[in-house]
Amino acid sequence: LLPFLNNEKQFERTESPTKTYSFRTKNK
């Protein structure tokens, strides 16, 4: 009758820009 979690806010966050991280750079 009630949801365990209200996930409406999580769907709104998916529109935010994704961050890209570069952890390793190769030196040749």
PDB file of all heavy atoms in Angstrom:
ATOM      1  N   LEU A   1       0.837  -1.201   0.000  1.00  0.00           N
ATOM      2  CA  LEU A   1       0.000   0.000   0.000  1.00  0.00           C
ATOM      3  C   LEU A   1       0.873   1.252   0.000  1.00  0.00           C
ATOM      4  O   LEU A   1       0.454   2.304  -0.448  1.00  0.00           O
ATOM      5  CB  LEU A   1      -0.924   0.008   1.228  1.00  0.00           C
ATOM      6  CG  LEU A   1      -1.905  -1.158   1.329  1.00  0.00           C
ATOM      7  CD1 LEU A   1      -2.616  -1.122   2.673  1.00  0.00           C
ATOM      8  CD2 LEU A   1      -2.907  -1.106   0.195  1.00  0.00           C
ATOM      9  N   LEU A   2       2.096   1.098   0.522  1.00  0.00           N
ATOM     10  CA  LEU A   2       3.083   2.178   0.551  1.00  0.00           C
ATOM     11  C   LEU A   2       4.380   1.669  -0.070  1.00  0.00           C
ATOM     12  O   LEU A   2       4.718   0.496   0.104  1.00  0.00           O
ATOM     13  CB  LEU A   2       3.401   2.575   1.993  1.00  0.00           C
ATOM     14  CG  LEU A   2       2.517   3.580   2.695  1.00  0.00           C
ATOM     15  CD1 LEU A   2       2.968   3.732   4.129  1.00  0.00           C
ATOM     16  CD2 LEU A   2       2.534   4.901   2.005  1.00  0.00           C
ATOM     17  N   PRO A   3       5.113   2.526  -0.766  1.00  0.00           N
ATOM     18  CA  PRO A   3       6.420   2.091  -1.271  1.00  0.00           C
ATOM     19  C   PRO A   3       7.453   2.074  -0.147  1.00  0.00           C
ATOM     20  O   PRO A   3       7.358   2.837   0.809  1.00  0.00           O
ATOM     21  CB  PRO A   3       6.769   3.162  -2.309  1.00  0.00           C
ATOM     22  CG  PRO A   3       6.046   4.374  -1.845  1.00  0.00           C
ATOM     23  CD  PRO A   3       4.788   3.885  -1.186  1.00  0.00           C
ATOM     24  N   PHE A   4       8.444   1.176  -0.267  1.00  0.00           N
ATOM     25  CA  PHE A   4       9.530   1.166   0.710  1.00  0.00           C
ATOM     26  C   PHE A   4      10.393   2.398   0.533  1.00  0.00           C
ATOM     27  O   PHE A   4      10.853   2.984   1.496  1.00  0.00           O
ATOM     28  CB  PHE A   4      10.384  -0.101   0.562  1.00  0.00           C
ATOM     29  CG  PHE A   4       9.772  -1.295   1.228  1.00  0.00           C
ATOM     30  CD1 PHE A   4       8.927  -2.143   0.531  1.00  0.00           C
ATOM     31  CD2 PHE A   4      10.031  -1.560   2.549  1.00  0.00           C
ATOM     32  CE1 PHE A   4       8.362  -3.236   1.154  1.00  0.00           C
ATOM     33  CE2 PHE A   4       9.479  -2.656   3.185  1.00  0.00           C
ATOM     34  CZ  PHE A   4       8.634  -3.493   2.473  1.00  0.00           C
ATOM     35  N   LEU A   5      10.625   2.807  -0.713  1.00  0.00           N
ATOM     36  CA  LEU A   5      11.390   4.010  -1.020  1.00  0.00           C
ATOM     37  C   LEU A   5      10.632   4.815  -2.054  1.00  0.00           C
ATOM     38  O   LEU A   5       9.970   4.258  -2.924  1.00  0.00           O
ATOM     39  CB  LEU A   5      12.765   3.656  -1.601  1.00  0.00           C
ATOM     40  CG  LEU A   5      13.758   2.988  -0.674  1.00  0.00           C
ATOM     41  CD1 LEU A   5      14.967   2.546  -1.474  1.00  0.00           C
ATOM     42  CD2 LEU A   5      14.179   3.926   0.425  1.00  0.00           C
ATOM     43  N   ASN A   6      10.752   6.119  -1.964  1.00  0.00           N
ATOM     44  CA  ASN A   6      10.158   6.993  -2.959  1.00  0.00           C
ATOM     45  C   ASN A   6      11.277   7.435  -3.882  1.00  0.00           C
ATOM     46  O   ASN A   6      12.079   8.285  -3.537  1.00  0.00           O
ATOM     47  CB  ASN A   6       9.485   8.188  -2.281  1.00  0.00           C
ATOM     48  CG  ASN A   6       8.619   8.958  -3.235  1.00  0.00           C
ATOM     49  OD1 ASN A   6       8.518   8.626  -4.402  1.00  0.00           O
ATOM     50  ND2 ASN A   6       8.001  10.005  -2.750  1.00  0.00           N
ATOM     51  N   ASN A   7      11.347   6.851  -5.077  1.00  0.00           N
ATOM     52  CA  ASN A   7      12.492   7.052  -5.965  1.00  0.00           C
ATOM     53  C   ASN A   7      12.269   8.140  -7.008  1.00  0.00           C
ATOM     54  O   ASN A   7      12.997   8.200  -7.982  1.00  0.00           O
ATOM     55  CB  ASN A   7      12.838   5.740  -6.684  1.00  0.00           C
ATOM     56  CG  ASN A   7      13.364   4.705  -5.725  1.00  0.00           C
ATOM     57  OD1 ASN A   7      13.985   5.051  -4.734  1.00  0.00           O
ATOM     58  ND2 ASN A   7      13.112   3.450  -6.006  1.00  0.00           N
ATOM     59  N   GLU A   8      11.290   9.004  -6.828  1.00  0.00           N
ATOM     60  CA  GLU A   8      11.011  10.032  -7.831  1.00  0.00           C
ATOM     61  C   GLU A   8      12.192  10.979  -8.016  1.00  0.00           C
ATOM     62  O   GLU A   8      12.482  11.416  -9.108  1.00  0.00           O
ATOM     63  CB  GLU A   8       9.778  10.835  -7.430  1.00  0.00           C
ATOM     64  CG  GLU A   8       8.507  10.036  -7.541  1.00  0.00           C
ATOM     65  CD  GLU A   8       7.295  10.803  -7.045  1.00  0.00           C
ATOM     66  OE1 GLU A   8       7.417  12.015  -6.831  1.00  0.00           O
ATOM     67  OE2 GLU A   8       6.250  10.188  -6.884  1.00  0.00           O
ATOM     68  N   LYS A   9      12.898  11.309  -6.950  1.00  0.00           N
ATOM     69  CA  LYS A   9      14.011  12.251  -7.038  1.00  0.00           C
ATOM     70  C   LYS A   9      15.201  11.645  -7.786  1.00  0.00           C
ATOM     71  O   LYS A   9      15.943  12.358  -8.421  1.00  0.00           O
ATOM     72  CB  LYS A   9      14.445  12.690  -5.632  1.00  0.00           C
ATOM     73  CG  LYS A   9      13.365  13.428  -4.905  1.00  0.00           C
ATOM     74  CD  LYS A   9      13.900  14.701  -4.365  1.00  0.00           C
ATOM     75  CE  LYS A   9      12.750  15.533  -3.803  1.00  0.00           C
ATOM     76  NZ  LYS A   9      13.174  16.818  -3.382  1.00  0.00           N
ATOM     77  N   GLN A  10      15.379  10.330  -7.718  1.00  0.00           N
ATOM     78  CA  GLN A  10      16.517   9.705  -8.380  1.00  0.00           C
ATOM     79  C   GLN A  10      16.396   9.821  -9.897  1.00  0.00           C
ATOM     80  O   GLN A  10      17.376   9.964 -10.591  1.00  0.00           O
ATOM     81  CB  GLN A  10      16.626   8.233  -7.992  1.00  0.00           C
ATOM     82  CG  GLN A  10      17.143   8.047  -6.580  1.00  0.00           C
ATOM     83  CD  GLN A  10      17.283   6.585  -6.218  1.00  0.00           C
ATOM     84  OE1 GLN A  10      16.842   5.715  -6.951  1.00  0.00           O
ATOM     85  NE2 GLN A  10      17.883   6.325  -5.077  1.00  0.00           N
ATOM     86  N   PHE A  11      15.169   9.772 -10.425  1.00  0.00           N
ATOM     87  CA  PHE A  11      14.992   9.875 -11.865  1.00  0.00           C
ATOM     88  C   PHE A  11      15.312  11.283 -12.353  1.00  0.00           C
ATOM     89  O   PHE A  11      15.773  11.463 -13.459  1.00  0.00           O
ATOM     90  CB  PHE A  11      13.565   9.493 -12.253  1.00  0.00           C
ATOM     91  CG  PHE A  11      13.258   8.045 -11.986  1.00  0.00           C
ATOM     92  CD1 PHE A  11      12.241   7.685 -11.126  1.00  0.00           C
ATOM     93  CD2 PHE A  11      14.001   7.042 -12.584  1.00  0.00           C
ATOM     94  CE1 PHE A  11      11.968   6.364 -10.876  1.00  0.00           C
ATOM     95  CE2 PHE A  11      13.730   5.716 -12.334  1.00  0.00           C
ATOM     96  CZ  PHE A  11      12.710   5.373 -11.481  1.00  0.00           C
ATOM     97  N   GLU A  12      15.107  12.284 -11.530  1.00  0.00           N
ATOM     98  CA  GLU A  12      15.426  13.654 -11.912  1.00  0.00           C
ATOM     99  C   GLU A  12      16.936  13.873 -11.970  1.00  0.00           C
ATOM    100  O   GLU A  12      17.409  14.661 -12.755  1.00  0.00           O
ATOM    101  CB  GLU A  12      14.795  14.632 -10.913  1.00  0.00           C
ATOM    102  CG  GLU A  12      13.290  14.648 -10.981  1.00  0.00           C
ATOM    103  CD  GLU A  12      12.678  15.490  -9.878  1.00  0.00           C
ATOM    104  OE1 GLU A  12      13.437  16.179  -9.165  1.00  0.00           O
ATOM    105  OE2 GLU A  12      11.452  15.436  -9.725  1.00  0.00           O
ATOM    106  N   ARG A  13      17.683  13.170 -11.139  1.00  0.00           N
ATOM    107  CA  ARG A  13      19.128  13.352 -11.085  1.00  0.00           C
ATOM    108  C   ARG A  13      19.832  12.786 -12.312  1.00  0.00           C
ATOM    109  O   ARG A  13      20.930  13.181 -12.618  1.00  0.00           O
ATOM    110  CB  ARG A  13      19.700  12.679  -9.839  1.00  0.00           C
ATOM    111  CG  ARG A  13      19.392  13.418  -8.578  1.00  0.00           C
ATOM    112  CD  ARG A  13      20.114  12.763  -7.424  1.00  0.00           C
ATOM    113  NE  ARG A  13      19.493  13.152  -6.174  1.00  0.00           N
ATOM    114  CZ  ARG A  13      19.459  12.425  -5.098  1.00  0.00           C
ATOM    115  NH1 ARG A  13      20.032  11.241  -5.094  1.00  0.00           N
ATOM    116  NH2 ARG A  13      18.881  12.843  -4.004  1.00  0.00           N
ATOM    117  N   THR A  14      19.213  11.846 -13.014  1.00  0.00           N
ATOM    118  CA  THR A  14      19.875  11.211 -14.151  1.00  0.00           C
ATOM    119  C   THR A  14      20.102  12.203 -15.285  1.00  0.00           C
ATOM    120  O   THR A  14      20.953  11.988 -16.129  1.00  0.00           O
ATOM    121  CB  THR A  14      19.051  10.020 -14.676  1.00  0.00           C
ATOM    122  OG1 THR A  14      17.726  10.481 -14.980  1.00  0.00           O
ATOM    123  CG2 THR A  14      18.981   8.915 -13.645  1.00  0.00           C
ATOM    124  N   GLU A  15      19.359  13.316 -15.307  1.00  0.00           N
ATOM    125  CA  GLU A  15      19.522  14.297 -16.359  1.00  0.00           C
ATOM    126  C   GLU A  15      20.761  15.171 -16.152  1.00  0.00           C
ATOM    127  O   GLU A  15      21.158  15.890 -17.053  1.00  0.00           O
ATOM    128  CB  GLU A  15      18.278  15.190 -16.413  1.00  0.00           C
ATOM    129  CG  GLU A  15      17.024  14.427 -16.783  1.00  0.00           C
ATOM    130  CD  GLU A  15      15.777  15.277 -16.625  1.00  0.00           C
ATOM    131  OE1 GLU A  15      15.922  16.502 -16.440  1.00  0.00           O
ATOM    132  OE2 GLU A  15      14.682  14.721 -16.684  1.00  0.00           O
ATOM    133  N   SER A  16      21.366  15.139 -14.971  1.00  0.00           N
ATOM    134  CA  SER A  16      22.528  15.971 -14.688  1.00  0.00           C
ATOM    135  C   SER A  16      23.716  15.520 -15.536  1.00  0.00           C
ATOM    136  O   SER A  16      23.829  14.342 -15.890  1.00  0.00           O
ATOM    137  CB  SER A  16      22.885  15.908 -13.206  1.00  0.00           C
ATOM    138  OG  SER A  16      23.275  14.613 -12.863  1.00  0.00           O
ATOM    139  N   PRO A  17      24.606  16.429 -15.879  1.00  0.00           N
ATOM    140  CA  PRO A  17      25.760  16.049 -16.720  1.00  0.00           C
ATOM    141  C   PRO A  17      26.671  15.064 -15.990  1.00  0.00           C
ATOM    142  O   PRO A  17      26.897  15.185 -14.805  1.00  0.00           O
ATOM    143  CB  PRO A  17      26.480  17.378 -16.975  1.00  0.00           C
ATOM    144  CG  PRO A  17      26.015  18.288 -15.893  1.00  0.00           C
ATOM    145  CD  PRO A  17      24.629  17.833 -15.519  1.00  0.00           C
ATOM    146  N   THR A  18      27.169  14.109 -16.745  1.00  0.00           N
ATOM    147  CA  THR A  18      28.038  13.094 -16.142  1.00  0.00           C
ATOM    148  C   THR A  18      29.470  13.608 -16.098  1.00  0.00           C
ATOM    149  O   THR A  18      29.920  14.309 -16.999  1.00  0.00           O
ATOM    150  CB  THR A  18      27.993  11.784 -16.954  1.00  0.00           C
ATOM    151  OG1 THR A  18      28.371  12.088 -18.295  1.00  0.00           O
ATOM    152  CG2 THR A  18      26.609  11.176 -16.927  1.00  0.00           C
ATOM    153  N   LYS A  19      30.176  13.239 -15.054  1.00  0.00           N
ATOM    154  CA  LYS A  19      31.557  13.653 -14.886  1.00  0.00           C
ATOM    155  C   LYS A  19      32.464  12.553 -15.422  1.00  0.00           C
ATOM    156  O   LYS A  19      32.204  11.370 -15.218  1.00  0.00           O
ATOM    157  CB  LYS A  19      31.873  13.891 -13.415  1.00  0.00           C
ATOM    158  CG  LYS A  19      31.114  15.043 -12.832  1.00  0.00           C
ATOM    159  CD  LYS A  19      31.455  15.212 -11.378  1.00  0.00           C
ATOM    160  CE  LYS A  19      30.675  16.347 -10.764  1.00  0.00           C
ATOM    161  NZ  LYS A  19      30.921  16.466  -9.339  1.00  0.00           N
ATOM    162  N   THR A  20      33.521  12.966 -16.099  1.00  0.00           N
ATOM    163  CA  THR A  20      34.480  11.980 -16.593  1.00  0.00           C
ATOM    164  C   THR A  20      35.795  12.193 -15.867  1.00  0.00           C
ATOM    165  O   THR A  20      36.246  13.321 -15.693  1.00  0.00           O
ATOM    166  CB  THR A  20      34.697  12.126 -18.122  1.00  0.00           C
ATOM    167  OG1 THR A  20      35.102  13.464 -18.383  1.00  0.00           O
ATOM    168  CG2 THR A  20      33.419  11.816 -18.891  1.00  0.00           C
ATOM    169  N   TYR A  21      36.358  11.102 -15.448  1.00  0.00           N
ATOM    170  CA  TYR A  21      37.622  11.153 -14.734  1.00  0.00           C
ATOM    171  C   TYR A  21      38.658  10.347 -15.512  1.00  0.00           C
ATOM    172  O   TYR A  21      38.368   9.257 -15.979  1.00  0.00           O
ATOM    173  CB  TYR A  21      37.488  10.549 -13.330  1.00  0.00           C
ATOM    174  CG  TYR A  21      36.541  11.311 -12.442  1.00  0.00           C
ATOM    175  CD1 TYR A  21      35.256  10.826 -12.187  1.00  0.00           C
ATOM    176  CD2 TYR A  21      36.933  12.490 -11.837  1.00  0.00           C
ATOM    177  CE1 TYR A  21      34.399  11.519 -11.378  1.00  0.00           C
ATOM    178  CE2 TYR A  21      36.084  13.187 -11.014  1.00  0.00           C
ATOM    179  CZ  TYR A  21      34.804  12.707 -10.784  1.00  0.00           C
ATOM    180  OH  TYR A  21      33.960  13.390  -9.974  1.00  0.00           O
ATOM    181  N   SER A  22      39.855  10.875 -15.625  1.00  0.00           N
ATOM    182  CA  SER A  22      40.944  10.095 -16.219  1.00  0.00           C
ATOM    183  C   SER A  22      41.926   9.785 -15.097  1.00  0.00           C
ATOM    184  O   SER A  22      42.546  10.678 -14.528  1.00  0.00           O
ATOM    185  CB  SER A  22      41.621  10.875 -17.354  1.00  0.00           C
ATOM    186  OG  SER A  22      42.145  12.070 -16.846  1.00  0.00           O
ATOM    187  N   PHE A  23      42.022   8.514 -14.775  1.00  0.00           N
ATOM    188  CA  PHE A  23      42.861   8.107 -13.655  1.00  0.00           C
ATOM    189  C   PHE A  23      44.304   7.876 -14.079  1.00  0.00           C
ATOM    190  O   PHE A  23      45.223   8.144 -13.333  1.00  0.00           O
ATOM    191  CB  PHE A  23      42.292   6.837 -13.018  1.00  0.00           C
ATOM    192  CG  PHE A  23      40.968   7.093 -12.330  1.00  0.00           C
ATOM    193  CD1 PHE A  23      39.784   6.631 -12.897  1.00  0.00           C
ATOM    194  CD2 PHE A  23      40.905   7.777 -11.148  1.00  0.00           C
ATOM    195  CE1 PHE A  23      38.581   6.859 -12.264  1.00  0.00           C
ATOM    196  CE2 PHE A  23      39.700   8.018 -10.516  1.00  0.00           C
ATOM    197  CZ  PHE A  23      38.545   7.548 -11.073  1.00  0.00           C
ATOM    198  N   ARG A  24      44.515   7.352 -15.277  1.00  0.00           N
ATOM    199  CA  ARG A  24      45.866   7.009 -15.709  1.00  0.00           C
ATOM    200  C   ARG A  24      46.197   7.678 -17.033  1.00  0.00           C
ATOM    201  O   ARG A  24      45.378   7.728 -17.923  1.00  0.00           O
ATOM    202  CB  ARG A  24      45.948   5.501 -15.928  1.00  0.00           C
ATOM    203  CG  ARG A  24      46.839   4.807 -14.948  1.00  0.00           C
ATOM    204  CD  ARG A  24      46.991   3.391 -15.331  1.00  0.00           C
ATOM    205  NE  ARG A  24      46.471   2.577 -14.230  1.00  0.00           N
ATOM    206  CZ  ARG A  24      46.330   1.274 -14.281  1.00  0.00           C
ATOM    207  NH1 ARG A  24      46.592   0.641 -15.378  1.00  0.00           N
ATOM    208  NH2 ARG A  24      45.911   0.631 -13.251  1.00  0.00           N
ATOM    209  N   THR A  25      47.378   8.146 -17.127  1.00  0.00           N
ATOM    210  CA  THR A  25      47.855   8.668 -18.413  1.00  0.00           C
ATOM    211  C   THR A  25      49.134   7.908 -18.743  1.00  0.00           C
ATOM    212  O   THR A  25      50.015   7.737 -17.903  1.00  0.00           O
ATOM    213  CB  THR A  25      48.145  10.181 -18.346  1.00  0.00           C
ATOM    214  OG1 THR A  25      49.056  10.415 -17.281  1.00  0.00           O
ATOM    215  CG2 THR A  25      46.874  10.976 -18.131  1.00  0.00           C
ATOM    216  N   LYS A  26      49.225   7.458 -19.987  1.00  0.00           N
ATOM    217  CA  LYS A  26      50.408   6.705 -20.410  1.00  0.00           C
ATOM    218  C   LYS A  26      51.479   7.650 -20.923  1.00  0.00           C
ATOM    219  O   LYS A  26      51.212   8.542 -21.704  1.00  0.00           O
ATOM    220  CB  LYS A  26      50.046   5.713 -21.520  1.00  0.00           C
ATOM    221  CG  LYS A  26      49.173   4.582 -21.005  1.00  0.00           C
ATOM    222  CD  LYS A  26      48.976   3.557 -22.095  1.00  0.00           C
ATOM    223  CE  LYS A  26      48.185   2.385 -21.574  1.00  0.00           C
ATOM    224  NZ  LYS A  26      47.990   1.360 -22.564  1.00  0.00           N
ATOM    225  N   ASN A  27      52.670   7.443 -20.457  1.00  0.00           N
ATOM    226  CA  ASN A  27      53.814   8.218 -20.923  1.00  0.00           C
ATOM    227  C   ASN A  27      54.719   7.337 -21.778  1.00  0.00           C
ATOM    228  O   ASN A  27      55.280   6.375 -21.310  1.00  0.00           O
ATOM    229  CB  ASN A  27      54.632   8.758 -19.744  1.00  0.00           C
ATOM    230  CG  ASN A  27      53.828   9.729 -18.891  1.00  0.00           C
ATOM    231  OD1 ASN A  27      52.722  10.105 -19.274  1.00  0.00           O
ATOM    232  ND2 ASN A  27      54.393  10.136 -17.781  1.00  0.00           N
ATOM    233  N   LYS A  28      54.871   7.695 -23.063  1.00  0.00           N
ATOM    234  CA  LYS A  28      55.719   6.929 -23.959  1.00  0.00           C
ATOM    235  C   LYS A  28      56.753   7.791 -24.609  1.00  0.00           C
ATOM    236  O   LYS A  28      56.620   8.890 -24.898  1.00  0.00           O
ATOM    237  CB  LYS A  28      54.905   6.242 -25.042  1.00  0.00           C
ATOM    238  CG  LYS A  28      54.160   5.064 -24.486  1.00  0.00           C
ATOM    239  CD  LYS A  28      53.545   4.279 -25.615  1.00  0.00           C
ATOM    240  CE  LYS A  28      52.859   3.057 -25.095  1.00  0.00           C
ATOM    241  NZ  LYS A  28      52.300   2.268 -26.126  1.00  0.00           N
TER     242      LYS A  28
END
